[in-house]
Protein backbone atom coordinates (compact mmCIF):
# COMPACT_ATOMS: atom_id res chain seq x y z
CA MET A 1 170.92 188.03 -55.64
CA GLY A 2 173.28 185.74 -53.69
CA ARG A 3 176.77 184.91 -54.90
CA LEU A 4 175.78 181.24 -55.32
CA GLN A 5 172.22 181.77 -56.52
CA GLY A 6 171.08 178.73 -58.48
CA LYS A 7 174.29 176.79 -57.82
CA ARG A 8 174.09 173.14 -56.80
CA ALA A 9 176.69 172.32 -54.17
CA LEU A 10 178.08 169.38 -52.21
CA ILE A 11 179.89 169.69 -48.87
CA THR A 12 181.46 166.54 -47.46
CA GLY A 13 182.01 166.48 -43.73
CA GLY A 14 179.40 169.21 -43.54
CA THR A 15 177.70 168.35 -40.25
CA SER A 16 180.08 170.16 -37.88
CA GLY A 17 182.89 172.70 -37.72
CA ILE A 18 184.12 174.29 -40.93
CA GLY A 19 181.80 172.18 -43.09
CA LEU A 20 178.65 173.16 -41.24
CA GLU A 21 179.58 176.84 -41.16
CA THR A 22 180.32 176.73 -44.89
CA ALA A 23 176.94 175.10 -45.47
CA LYS A 24 175.26 177.99 -43.65
CA GLN A 25 177.11 180.57 -45.75
CA PHE A 26 176.39 178.70 -48.99
CA LEU A 27 172.68 178.63 -48.11
CA ALA A 28 172.69 182.33 -47.30
CA GLU A 29 174.15 182.97 -50.75
CA GLY A 30 171.42 181.02 -52.53
CA ALA A 31 172.93 177.56 -53.12
CA GLN A 32 171.04 174.29 -53.26
CA LEU A 33 172.88 171.93 -50.98
CA ILE A 34 173.73 168.32 -50.22
CA VAL A 35 175.80 167.73 -47.08
CA THR A 36 177.41 164.52 -45.87
CA GLY A 37 178.51 163.29 -42.46
CA LEU A 38 179.15 160.07 -40.60
CA ASN A 39 178.08 160.58 -36.98
CA PRO A 40 174.30 160.07 -36.58
CA ALA A 41 174.12 162.72 -33.84
CA THR A 42 175.80 165.45 -35.89
CA ILE A 43 173.82 164.44 -38.97
CA ALA A 44 170.57 164.97 -37.03
CA THR A 45 171.81 168.28 -35.61
CA ALA A 46 172.92 169.52 -39.03
CA GLN A 47 169.58 168.58 -40.59
CA ALA A 48 167.74 170.53 -37.89
CA THR A 49 170.12 173.48 -38.27
CA LEU A 50 170.11 173.67 -42.07
CA GLY A 51 166.43 172.94 -42.61
CA GLU A 52 164.33 170.55 -44.63
CA ASN A 53 165.42 171.95 -47.99
CA VAL A 54 168.96 170.64 -47.44
CA THR A 55 169.71 166.96 -47.99
CA VAL A 56 171.98 165.55 -45.27
CA LEU A 57 173.34 162.09 -46.07
CA ALA A 58 175.49 159.55 -44.24
CA ALA A 59 178.66 158.72 -46.18
CA ASP A 60 181.97 157.27 -45.03
CA SER A 61 184.73 159.22 -46.75
CA ALA A 62 187.04 156.19 -46.52
CA SER A 63 184.76 153.99 -48.62
CA VAL A 64 185.13 154.16 -52.38
CA GLU A 65 181.78 152.40 -52.75
CA ALA A 66 180.13 155.02 -50.53
CA GLN A 67 181.59 157.79 -52.69
CA GLN A 68 180.19 156.14 -55.81
CA ARG A 69 176.76 155.88 -54.19
CA LEU A 70 177.01 159.54 -53.20
CA ALA A 71 177.79 160.59 -56.77
CA HIS A 72 174.76 158.63 -57.99
CA GLU A 73 172.57 160.30 -55.36
CA ILE A 74 173.79 163.74 -56.42
CA SER A 75 173.08 162.95 -60.06
CA THR A 76 169.57 161.78 -59.16
CA ARG A 77 168.74 164.80 -57.02
CA PHE A 78 170.56 167.60 -58.84
CA GLY A 79 171.28 166.34 -62.35
CA GLU A 80 174.54 168.28 -62.34
CA LEU A 81 176.85 169.67 -59.68
CA ASP A 82 178.34 173.17 -59.79
CA ILE A 83 180.38 173.17 -56.56
CA ALA A 84 182.07 170.53 -54.41
CA PHE A 85 183.78 171.39 -51.13
CA LEU A 86 185.69 168.25 -50.13
CA ASN A 87 186.06 168.86 -46.44
CA ALA A 88 185.68 165.46 -44.74
CA GLY A 89 188.84 164.41 -42.96
CA ILE A 90 190.45 163.08 -39.80
CA SER A 91 193.42 164.38 -37.85
CA VAL A 92 195.52 161.93 -35.85
CA TRP A 93 198.66 163.24 -34.15
CA VAL A 94 200.87 160.61 -32.53
CA PRO A 95 204.60 159.81 -32.50
CA ILE A 96 205.90 157.59 -35.28
CA GLU A 97 206.41 154.73 -32.82
CA GLU A 98 202.66 154.52 -32.17
CA TRP A 99 201.48 154.26 -35.76
CA THR A 100 200.03 150.98 -36.96
CA GLU A 101 199.34 149.91 -40.52
CA ASP A 102 195.58 150.07 -39.92
CA MET A 103 195.81 153.62 -38.52
CA PHE A 104 197.98 154.70 -41.44
CA ASP A 105 195.63 153.17 -44.01
CA ARG A 106 192.56 154.71 -42.37
CA SER A 107 194.08 158.21 -42.44
CA PHE A 108 194.97 157.99 -46.12
CA ALA A 109 191.62 156.37 -46.95
CA VAL A 110 189.59 159.17 -45.35
CA ASN A 111 191.80 162.11 -46.30
CA VAL A 112 192.99 161.13 -49.78
CA LYS A 113 191.63 157.90 -51.31
CA GLY A 114 187.95 158.46 -50.68
CA PRO A 115 187.88 162.07 -51.92
CA TYR A 116 189.96 161.13 -54.96
CA PHE A 117 187.51 158.45 -56.03
CA LEU A 118 184.60 160.75 -55.25
CA ILE A 119 186.03 163.20 -57.77
CA GLN A 120 186.34 160.35 -60.26
CA ALA A 121 182.73 159.32 -59.67
CA LEU A 122 181.54 162.91 -60.05
CA LEU A 123 183.19 163.48 -63.44
CA PRO A 124 179.98 162.73 -65.39
CA VAL A 125 178.00 164.86 -62.92
CA PHE A 126 180.02 168.06 -62.84
CA ALA A 127 178.54 171.02 -64.68
CA GLN A 128 180.67 173.08 -67.04
CA PRO A 129 181.98 175.15 -65.40
CA ALA A 130 182.36 173.60 -61.95
CA SER A 131 184.44 174.56 -58.93
CA VAL A 132 186.05 172.02 -56.58
CA ILE A 133 187.58 173.21 -53.31
CA LEU A 134 189.83 170.92 -51.29
CA ASN A 135 190.21 171.50 -47.55
CA THR A 136 193.89 170.89 -46.93
CA SER A 137 195.98 172.30 -44.06
CA ILE A 138 199.01 174.40 -43.28
CA ASN A 139 200.48 171.13 -42.00
CA ALA A 140 201.21 170.34 -45.63
CA HIS A 141 203.93 173.00 -45.22
CA VAL A 142 204.77 173.06 -41.51
CA GLY A 143 206.86 170.23 -40.05
CA ALA A 144 205.01 169.86 -36.77
CA ALA A 145 206.05 167.00 -34.51
CA ARG A 146 203.61 164.07 -34.26
CA SER A 147 201.86 165.13 -37.48
CA SER A 148 203.83 162.92 -39.90
CA VAL A 149 200.94 160.93 -41.37
CA TYR A 150 198.32 163.68 -41.13
CA ALA A 151 200.66 166.17 -42.81
CA ALA A 152 201.48 163.65 -45.53
CA THR A 153 197.80 163.15 -46.33
CA LYS A 154 197.25 166.89 -46.55
CA ALA A 155 200.32 167.41 -48.74
CA ALA A 156 199.00 164.75 -51.12
CA PHE A 157 195.54 166.31 -51.12
CA LEU A 158 196.95 169.79 -51.73
CA ASN A 159 198.90 168.56 -54.74
CA LEU A 160 195.67 167.32 -56.32
CA SER A 161 194.49 170.93 -56.58
CA LYS A 162 197.28 171.48 -59.10
CA THR A 163 197.47 168.17 -60.95
CA LEU A 164 193.73 167.82 -61.39
CA SER A 165 193.41 171.45 -62.46
CA SER A 166 195.86 170.70 -65.27
CA GLU A 167 194.06 167.49 -66.21
CA LEU A 168 190.45 168.57 -65.94
CA LEU A 169 190.37 172.27 -66.78
CA SER A 170 189.55 171.42 -70.39
CA ARG A 171 186.35 169.85 -69.05
CA GLY A 172 185.44 173.08 -67.29
CA ILE A 173 186.39 171.85 -63.81
CA ARG A 174 188.75 173.99 -61.77
CA PHE A 175 190.35 173.00 -58.49
CA ASN A 176 191.61 175.14 -55.64
CA ALA A 177 192.55 174.55 -52.02
CA VAL A 178 191.98 176.30 -48.73
CA SER A 179 194.58 175.59 -46.04
CA PRO A 180 193.45 176.50 -42.53
CA GLY A 181 195.73 177.04 -39.60
CA PRO A 182 194.58 176.11 -36.08
CA VAL A 183 190.80 176.54 -35.96
CA GLU A 184 188.56 176.02 -32.97
CA THR A 185 186.45 173.13 -34.27
CA PRO A 186 185.39 169.67 -33.05
CA LEU A 187 188.40 168.26 -34.95
CA TYR A 188 190.60 169.34 -32.05
CA ASP A 189 188.39 167.38 -29.66
CA LYS A 190 189.28 164.22 -31.59
CA LEU A 191 193.02 164.43 -31.09
CA GLY A 192 192.93 162.41 -27.90
CA ILE A 193 194.24 165.21 -25.69
CA PRO A 194 193.25 164.65 -22.03
CA ASP A 195 191.08 167.45 -20.65
CA VAL A 196 193.61 168.20 -17.95
CA TYR A 197 196.17 169.15 -20.62
CA ARG A 198 193.80 170.82 -23.05
CA ALA A 199 194.19 174.37 -21.70
CA GLN A 200 197.99 174.15 -21.84
CA VAL A 201 197.93 172.65 -25.32
CA ASN A 202 195.64 175.47 -26.49
CA LYS A 203 197.98 178.04 -24.94
CA ASP A 204 200.98 176.47 -26.65
CA ILE A 205 199.21 176.51 -30.00
CA VAL A 206 198.11 180.14 -29.65
CA ASN A 207 201.68 181.11 -28.87
CA THR A 208 202.67 179.99 -32.38
CA ILE A 209 200.03 182.19 -34.06
CA PRO A 210 201.01 185.83 -34.65
CA ALA A 211 197.32 186.85 -34.59
CA GLY A 212 197.21 185.55 -31.01
CA ARG A 213 194.12 183.32 -31.29
CA PHE A 214 192.57 180.34 -33.00
CA GLY A 215 190.69 180.96 -36.21
CA THR A 216 186.95 180.46 -36.50
CA PRO A 217 185.04 178.21 -38.89
CA ALA A 218 183.34 181.32 -40.30
CA GLU A 219 186.70 182.78 -41.33
CA ILE A 220 187.62 179.64 -43.26
CA ALA A 221 184.15 179.44 -44.81
CA LYS A 222 184.54 182.92 -46.30
CA ALA A 223 187.60 181.75 -48.24
CA VAL A 224 185.72 178.66 -49.43
CA LEU A 225 182.80 180.83 -50.51
CA TYR A 226 185.10 182.96 -52.66
CA LEU A 227 186.60 179.88 -54.36
CA ALA A 228 183.11 178.44 -54.92
CA SER A 229 181.75 181.60 -56.49
CA ASP A 230 182.17 182.95 -60.01
CA GLU A 231 184.27 185.75 -58.50
CA SER A 232 187.19 183.31 -58.53
CA ALA A 233 186.70 182.11 -62.11
CA TRP A 234 190.33 182.95 -62.96
CA THR A 235 191.70 181.36 -59.77
CA ILE A 236 192.90 177.90 -60.76
CA GLY A 237 195.15 175.46 -58.91
CA ALA A 238 195.65 178.00 -56.15
CA GLU A 239 195.89 177.69 -52.38
CA ILE A 240 194.43 180.21 -49.94
CA VAL A 241 196.19 179.97 -46.57
CA VAL A 242 193.98 181.18 -43.71
CA ASP A 243 196.10 180.80 -40.60
CA GLY A 244 196.43 184.02 -38.59
CA GLY A 245 200.06 184.19 -39.73
CA ARG A 246 200.98 180.76 -38.34
CA THR A 247 203.17 179.83 -41.31
CA LEU A 248 205.23 182.99 -40.81
CA ASN A 249 206.87 181.10 -37.95
CA GLY A 250 207.91 178.16 -40.13
């Protein structure tokens, strides 16, 4: 029997990268699954990859209304929800001089506001017990240049794993976080790095990682799988850092 046999799970941002790999591992462990995305092309690819038994929905993580619709859809399809992996997010790295109010608001809307109100909307839907895993980042701890807003969103999101655990544990809902280091995913393709510089940027990043390489989505997904499963029933308000030793360098 799989580690998630009979569990009903949601993965936001599940059509590429860490989310899609986690969806594959959840399926292999017996979960029923709803996955969300935003890009029509990756939604179609994910549906083909995961199969007809998985529901793949379009949902903008920045929209509170979209999160409320998603919670209603989950209630209609599943009745209750055992697992939520809140993975949808954006990563924008630019100097402070280049930030605009709209850029700032969009980053916080996608990475913090939308997921927060999704949790609120899911409160009547969560089973007892339920496990919620937040995908945060080592940038909540590491003061990397050009990451000021992104890191702030992830620090806020990470803190929710503790505050909401305290508030909602009596309802049978436990929260934990997984904080990846540099992982080779499509997220890095969205940073606006010109192709001519990409190899050098990758080399510079790898030089900061004691393990000497980027992580893989599968390695992050294994940590998420543990936090989703009953094996972690006594793991509450915790953070699993999966970073190849990156945070050892400060």
